[in-house]
Amino acid sequence: MAQVPLAIASHKRQVCSLYKRALRNLEAWYDRRHDYRYRAVQMRARFDENRCKDLGEGIRLLVCGQKELFETKHFQPKTFANSAGGCAFEREVIPPDWLLDYWHPLEKAQFPEYFAKREQRKQQYVVWWQKQYGKPDPKDLGHH
């Protein structure tokens, strides 16, 4: 999913995004949970102490925070498998249709209308194929 351009996101949304990205950066730097939690609590305190500043000061602090995050970014950040940059990003396994031909008859019996319609469509496809390309030569099918 593409990130929301910061120009149209509210200041609060930008601060929340910065906080979350900073937490993920801390996770990448500290593998021991207690070290990470200690740093996360310190960072939350920094965010909380600047919470009630005026908007001009808040914008300045946001820019400084984004710069600091950029400068302290981990060289190999952790990524989730399905997130952008992850090993399974945009991976969608769609099983081929012929796999349904190998279902056990008891499995097919659970969906009788679907498999009846499927067989009908397979026959229609064979008819269309033969109309489009002609009947196959028996020599090509391996029949002697």
C-alpha atoms as a PDB file:
ATOM      1  CA  MET A   1       0.000   0.000   0.000  1.00  0.00           C
ATOM      2  CA  ALA A   2       1.393   3.401  -0.956  1.00  0.00           C
ATOM      3  CA  GLN A   3       2.107   5.921   1.750  1.00  0.00           C
ATOM      4  CA  VAL A   4      -0.153   8.962   2.092  1.00  0.00           C
ATOM      5  CA  PRO A   5       1.664  12.091   0.850  1.00  0.00           C
ATOM      6  CA  LEU A   6       2.619  14.134   3.897  1.00  0.00           C
ATOM      7  CA  ALA A   7       1.291  17.364   2.369  1.00  0.00           C
ATOM      8  CA  ILE A   8      -2.308  16.164   2.728  1.00  0.00           C
ATOM      9  CA  ALA A   9      -1.937  14.298   6.045  1.00  0.00           C
ATOM     10  CA  SER A  10      -2.773  16.205   9.211  1.00  0.00           C
ATOM     11  CA  HIS A  11      -0.027  17.211  11.633  1.00  0.00           C
ATOM     12  CA  LYS A  12      -1.289  14.670  14.169  1.00  0.00           C
ATOM     13  CA  ARG A  13      -1.195  11.920  11.543  1.00  0.00           C
ATOM     14  CA  GLN A  14       2.353  12.859  10.570  1.00  0.00           C
ATOM     15  CA  VAL A  15       3.488  12.769  14.210  1.00  0.00           C
ATOM     16  CA  CYS A  16       1.867   9.346  14.719  1.00  0.00           C
ATOM     17  CA  SER A  17       3.536   8.071  11.557  1.00  0.00           C
ATOM     18  CA  LEU A  18       6.915   9.375  12.724  1.00  0.00           C
ATOM     19  CA  TYR A  19       6.430   7.712  16.116  1.00  0.00           C
ATOM     20  CA  LYS A  20       5.571   4.353  14.561  1.00  0.00           C
ATOM     21  CA  ARG A  21       8.490   4.478  12.114  1.00  0.00           C
ATOM     22  CA  ALA A  22      10.813   5.416  14.979  1.00  0.00           C
ATOM     23  CA  LEU A  23       9.581   2.431  17.013  1.00  0.00           C
ATOM     24  CA  ARG A  24      10.210   0.110  14.049  1.00  0.00           C
ATOM     25  CA  ASN A  25      13.682   1.584  13.723  1.00  0.00           C
ATOM     26  CA  LEU A  26      14.351   0.880  17.399  1.00  0.00           C
ATOM     27  CA  GLU A  27      13.213  -2.724  16.882  1.00  0.00           C
ATOM     28  CA  ALA A  28      15.813  -3.078  14.159  1.00  0.00           C
ATOM     29  CA  TRP A  29      18.624  -1.722  16.343  1.00  0.00           C
ATOM     30  CA  TYR A  30      17.857  -3.586  19.585  1.00  0.00           C
ATOM     31  CA  ASP A  31      17.281  -7.328  19.444  1.00  0.00           C
ATOM     32  CA  ARG A  32      16.942  -7.774  23.204  1.00  0.00           C
ATOM     33  CA  ARG A  33      13.414  -6.961  24.253  1.00  0.00           C
ATOM     34  CA  HIS A  34      14.341  -5.149  27.461  1.00  0.00           C
ATOM     35  CA  ASP A  35      16.805  -2.871  25.623  1.00  0.00           C
ATOM     36  CA  TYR A  36      14.158  -2.068  23.022  1.00  0.00           C
ATOM     37  CA  ARG A  37      11.487  -1.350  25.655  1.00  0.00           C
ATOM     38  CA  TYR A  38      13.849   0.952  27.578  1.00  0.00           C
ATOM     39  CA  ARG A  39      14.605   2.972  24.434  1.00  0.00           C
ATOM     40  CA  ALA A  40      10.926   2.976  23.424  1.00  0.00           C
ATOM     41  CA  VAL A  41       9.905   4.411  26.812  1.00  0.00           C
ATOM     42  CA  GLN A  42      12.578   7.103  26.487  1.00  0.00           C
ATOM     43  CA  MET A  43      11.357   7.996  23.023  1.00  0.00           C
ATOM     44  CA  ARG A  44       7.709   8.121  24.161  1.00  0.00           C
ATOM     45  CA  ALA A  45       8.744  10.518  26.914  1.00  0.00           C
ATOM     46  CA  ARG A  46      10.386  12.758  24.286  1.00  0.00           C
ATOM     47  CA  PHE A  47       7.175  12.755  22.246  1.00  0.00           C
ATOM     48  CA  ASP A  48       5.004  13.399  25.307  1.00  0.00           C
ATOM     49  CA  GLU A  49       7.085  16.340  26.570  1.00  0.00           C
ATOM     50  CA  ASN A  50       6.577  18.119  23.231  1.00  0.00           C
ATOM     51  CA  ARG A  51       2.897  17.257  22.969  1.00  0.00           C
ATOM     52  CA  CYS A  52       1.324  20.602  23.901  1.00  0.00           C
ATOM     53  CA  LYS A  53       3.563  22.922  21.884  1.00  0.00           C
ATOM     54  CA  ASP A  54       2.039  25.393  19.442  1.00  0.00           C
ATOM     55  CA  LEU A  55       1.621  24.330  15.808  1.00  0.00           C
ATOM     56  CA  GLY A  56       4.643  26.278  14.507  1.00  0.00           C
ATOM     57  CA  GLU A  57       6.916  24.681  17.093  1.00  0.00           C
ATOM     58  CA  GLY A  58       5.268  21.318  16.426  1.00  0.00           C
ATOM     59  CA  ILE A  59       6.026  21.541  12.719  1.00  0.00           C
ATOM     60  CA  ARG A  60       9.658  22.436  13.454  1.00  0.00           C
ATOM     61  CA  LEU A  61       9.943  19.497  15.864  1.00  0.00           C
ATOM     62  CA  LEU A  62       8.339  17.173  13.291  1.00  0.00           C
ATOM     63  CA  VAL A  63      10.896  18.161  10.659  1.00  0.00           C
ATOM     64  CA  CYS A  64      13.738  17.702  13.170  1.00  0.00           C
ATOM     65  CA  GLY A  65      12.336  14.299  14.175  1.00  0.00           C
ATOM     66  CA  GLN A  66      12.084  13.140  10.559  1.00  0.00           C
ATOM     67  CA  LYS A  67      15.672  14.258   9.965  1.00  0.00           C
ATOM     68  CA  GLU A  68      16.846  12.448  13.104  1.00  0.00           C
ATOM     69  CA  LEU A  69      15.029   9.280  12.034  1.00  0.00           C
ATOM     70  CA  PHE A  70      16.638   9.477   8.598  1.00  0.00           C
ATOM     71  CA  GLU A  71      20.097   9.883  10.143  1.00  0.00           C
ATOM     72  CA  THR A  72      19.643   6.986  12.599  1.00  0.00           C
ATOM     73  CA  LYS A  73      17.882   4.620  10.194  1.00  0.00           C
ATOM     74  CA  HIS A  74      19.090   1.035  10.509  1.00  0.00           C
ATOM     75  CA  PHE A  75      21.174  -0.204   7.586  1.00  0.00           C
ATOM     76  CA  GLN A  76      19.037  -3.344   7.301  1.00  0.00           C
ATOM     77  CA  PRO A  77      15.566  -2.543   8.669  1.00  0.00           C
ATOM     78  CA  LYS A  78      13.220  -5.339   9.659  1.00  0.00           C
ATOM     79  CA  THR A  79      10.392  -5.895   7.226  1.00  0.00           C
ATOM     80  CA  PHE A  80       7.234  -7.925   7.578  1.00  0.00           C
ATOM     81  CA  ALA A  81       6.724 -10.617   4.978  1.00  0.00           C
ATOM     82  CA  ASN A  82       3.580  -9.079   3.456  1.00  0.00           C
ATOM     83  CA  SER A  83       4.674  -5.439   3.789  1.00  0.00           C
ATOM     84  CA  ALA A  84       6.346  -3.457   1.013  1.00  0.00           C
ATOM     85  CA  GLY A  85       9.890  -4.773   0.704  1.00  0.00           C
ATOM     86  CA  GLY A  86       9.006  -8.058   2.399  1.00  0.00           C
ATOM     87  CA  CYS A  87       9.681 -11.437   0.841  1.00  0.00           C
ATOM     88  CA  ALA A  88       5.977 -12.120   0.220  1.00  0.00           C
ATOM     89  CA  PHE A  89       4.880  -8.605  -0.814  1.00  0.00           C
ATOM     90  CA  GLU A  90       2.109  -8.677  -3.435  1.00  0.00           C
ATOM     91  CA  ARG A  91       2.386 -12.441  -3.646  1.00  0.00           C
ATOM     92  CA  GLU A  92      -0.911 -14.064  -4.350  1.00  0.00           C
ATOM     93  CA  VAL A  93      -0.932 -17.747  -5.101  1.00  0.00           C
ATOM     94  CA  ILE A  94      -3.755 -18.586  -7.476  1.00  0.00           C
ATOM     95  CA  PRO A  95      -4.021 -22.342  -7.961  1.00  0.00           C
ATOM     96  CA  PRO A  96      -4.433 -23.444 -11.586  1.00  0.00           C
ATOM     97  CA  ASP A  97      -7.849 -24.636 -12.702  1.00  0.00           C
ATOM     98  CA  TRP A  98      -6.669 -28.137 -13.638  1.00  0.00           C
ATOM     99  CA  LEU A  99      -5.973 -28.808  -9.964  1.00  0.00           C
ATOM    100  CA  LEU A 100      -9.732 -29.188  -9.415  1.00  0.00           C
ATOM    101  CA  ASP A 101      -9.684 -32.226 -11.721  1.00  0.00           C
ATOM    102  CA  TYR A 102      -7.672 -34.072  -9.070  1.00  0.00           C
ATOM    103  CA  TRP A 103     -10.130 -33.528  -6.232  1.00  0.00           C
ATOM    104  CA  HIS A 104     -11.515 -36.682  -4.683  1.00  0.00           C
ATOM    105  CA  PRO A 105     -15.129 -37.457  -5.708  1.00  0.00           C
ATOM    106  CA  LEU A 106     -16.255 -36.970  -2.099  1.00  0.00           C
ATOM    107  CA  GLU A 107     -14.755 -33.484  -2.142  1.00  0.00           C
ATOM    108  CA  LYS A 108     -16.480 -32.710  -5.435  1.00  0.00           C
ATOM    109  CA  ALA A 109     -19.773 -33.999  -4.013  1.00  0.00           C
ATOM    110  CA  GLN A 110     -19.762 -31.108  -1.526  1.00  0.00           C
ATOM    111  CA  PHE A 111     -20.143 -28.636  -4.412  1.00  0.00           C
ATOM    112  CA  PRO A 112     -22.358 -30.405  -6.980  1.00  0.00           C
ATOM    113  CA  GLU A 113     -23.679 -27.274  -8.749  1.00  0.00           C
ATOM    114  CA  TYR A 114     -20.203 -25.801  -9.145  1.00  0.00           C
ATOM    115  CA  PHE A 115     -18.667 -28.963 -10.606  1.00  0.00           C
ATOM    116  CA  ALA A 116     -21.668 -29.563 -12.903  1.00  0.00           C
ATOM    117  CA  LYS A 117     -21.307 -26.022 -14.262  1.00  0.00           C
ATOM    118  CA  ARG A 118     -17.535 -26.509 -14.533  1.00  0.00           C
ATOM    119  CA  GLU A 119     -17.920 -29.673 -16.599  1.00  0.00           C
ATOM    120  CA  GLN A 120     -20.402 -27.865 -18.845  1.00  0.00           C
ATOM    121  CA  ARG A 121     -17.946 -25.003 -19.364  1.00  0.00           C
ATOM    122  CA  LYS A 122     -15.106 -27.419 -20.080  1.00  0.00           C
ATOM    123  CA  GLN A 123     -17.227 -28.991 -22.837  1.00  0.00           C
ATOM    124  CA  GLN A 124     -18.078 -25.555 -24.225  1.00  0.00           C
ATOM    125  CA  TYR A 125     -14.384 -24.710 -24.242  1.00  0.00           C
ATOM    126  CA  VAL A 126     -13.543 -27.904 -26.166  1.00  0.00           C
ATOM    127  CA  VAL A 127     -16.205 -27.043 -28.749  1.00  0.00           C
ATOM    128  CA  TRP A 128     -14.874 -23.477 -29.049  1.00  0.00           C
ATOM    129  CA  TRP A 129     -11.295 -24.772 -29.384  1.00  0.00           C
ATOM    130  CA  GLN A 130     -12.228 -27.202 -32.136  1.00  0.00           C
ATOM    131  CA  LYS A 131     -14.148 -24.473 -33.981  1.00  0.00           C
ATOM    132  CA  GLN A 132     -11.196 -22.075 -33.637  1.00  0.00           C
ATOM    133  CA  TYR A 133      -8.289 -24.431 -34.362  1.00  0.00           C
ATOM    134  CA  GLY A 134      -9.829 -27.629 -35.756  1.00  0.00           C
ATOM    135  CA  LYS A 135      -9.792 -31.123 -34.343  1.00  0.00           C
ATOM    136  CA  PRO A 136      -6.375 -32.399 -33.262  1.00  0.00           C
ATOM    137  CA  ASP A 137      -4.652 -35.025 -35.384  1.00  0.00           C
ATOM    138  CA  PRO A 138      -4.731 -38.437 -33.626  1.00  0.00           C
ATOM    139  CA  LYS A 139      -0.992 -38.822 -34.385  1.00  0.00           C
ATOM    140  CA  ASP A 140      -0.307 -35.740 -32.238  1.00  0.00           C
ATOM    141  CA  LEU A 141      -2.313 -37.149 -29.323  1.00  0.00           C
ATOM    142  CA  GLY A 142      -0.113 -40.236 -29.084  1.00  0.00           C
ATOM    143  CA  HIS A 143      -2.761 -42.624 -30.382  1.00  0.00           C
ATOM    144  CA  HIS A 144      -1.407 -44.941 -33.085  1.00  0.00           C
END
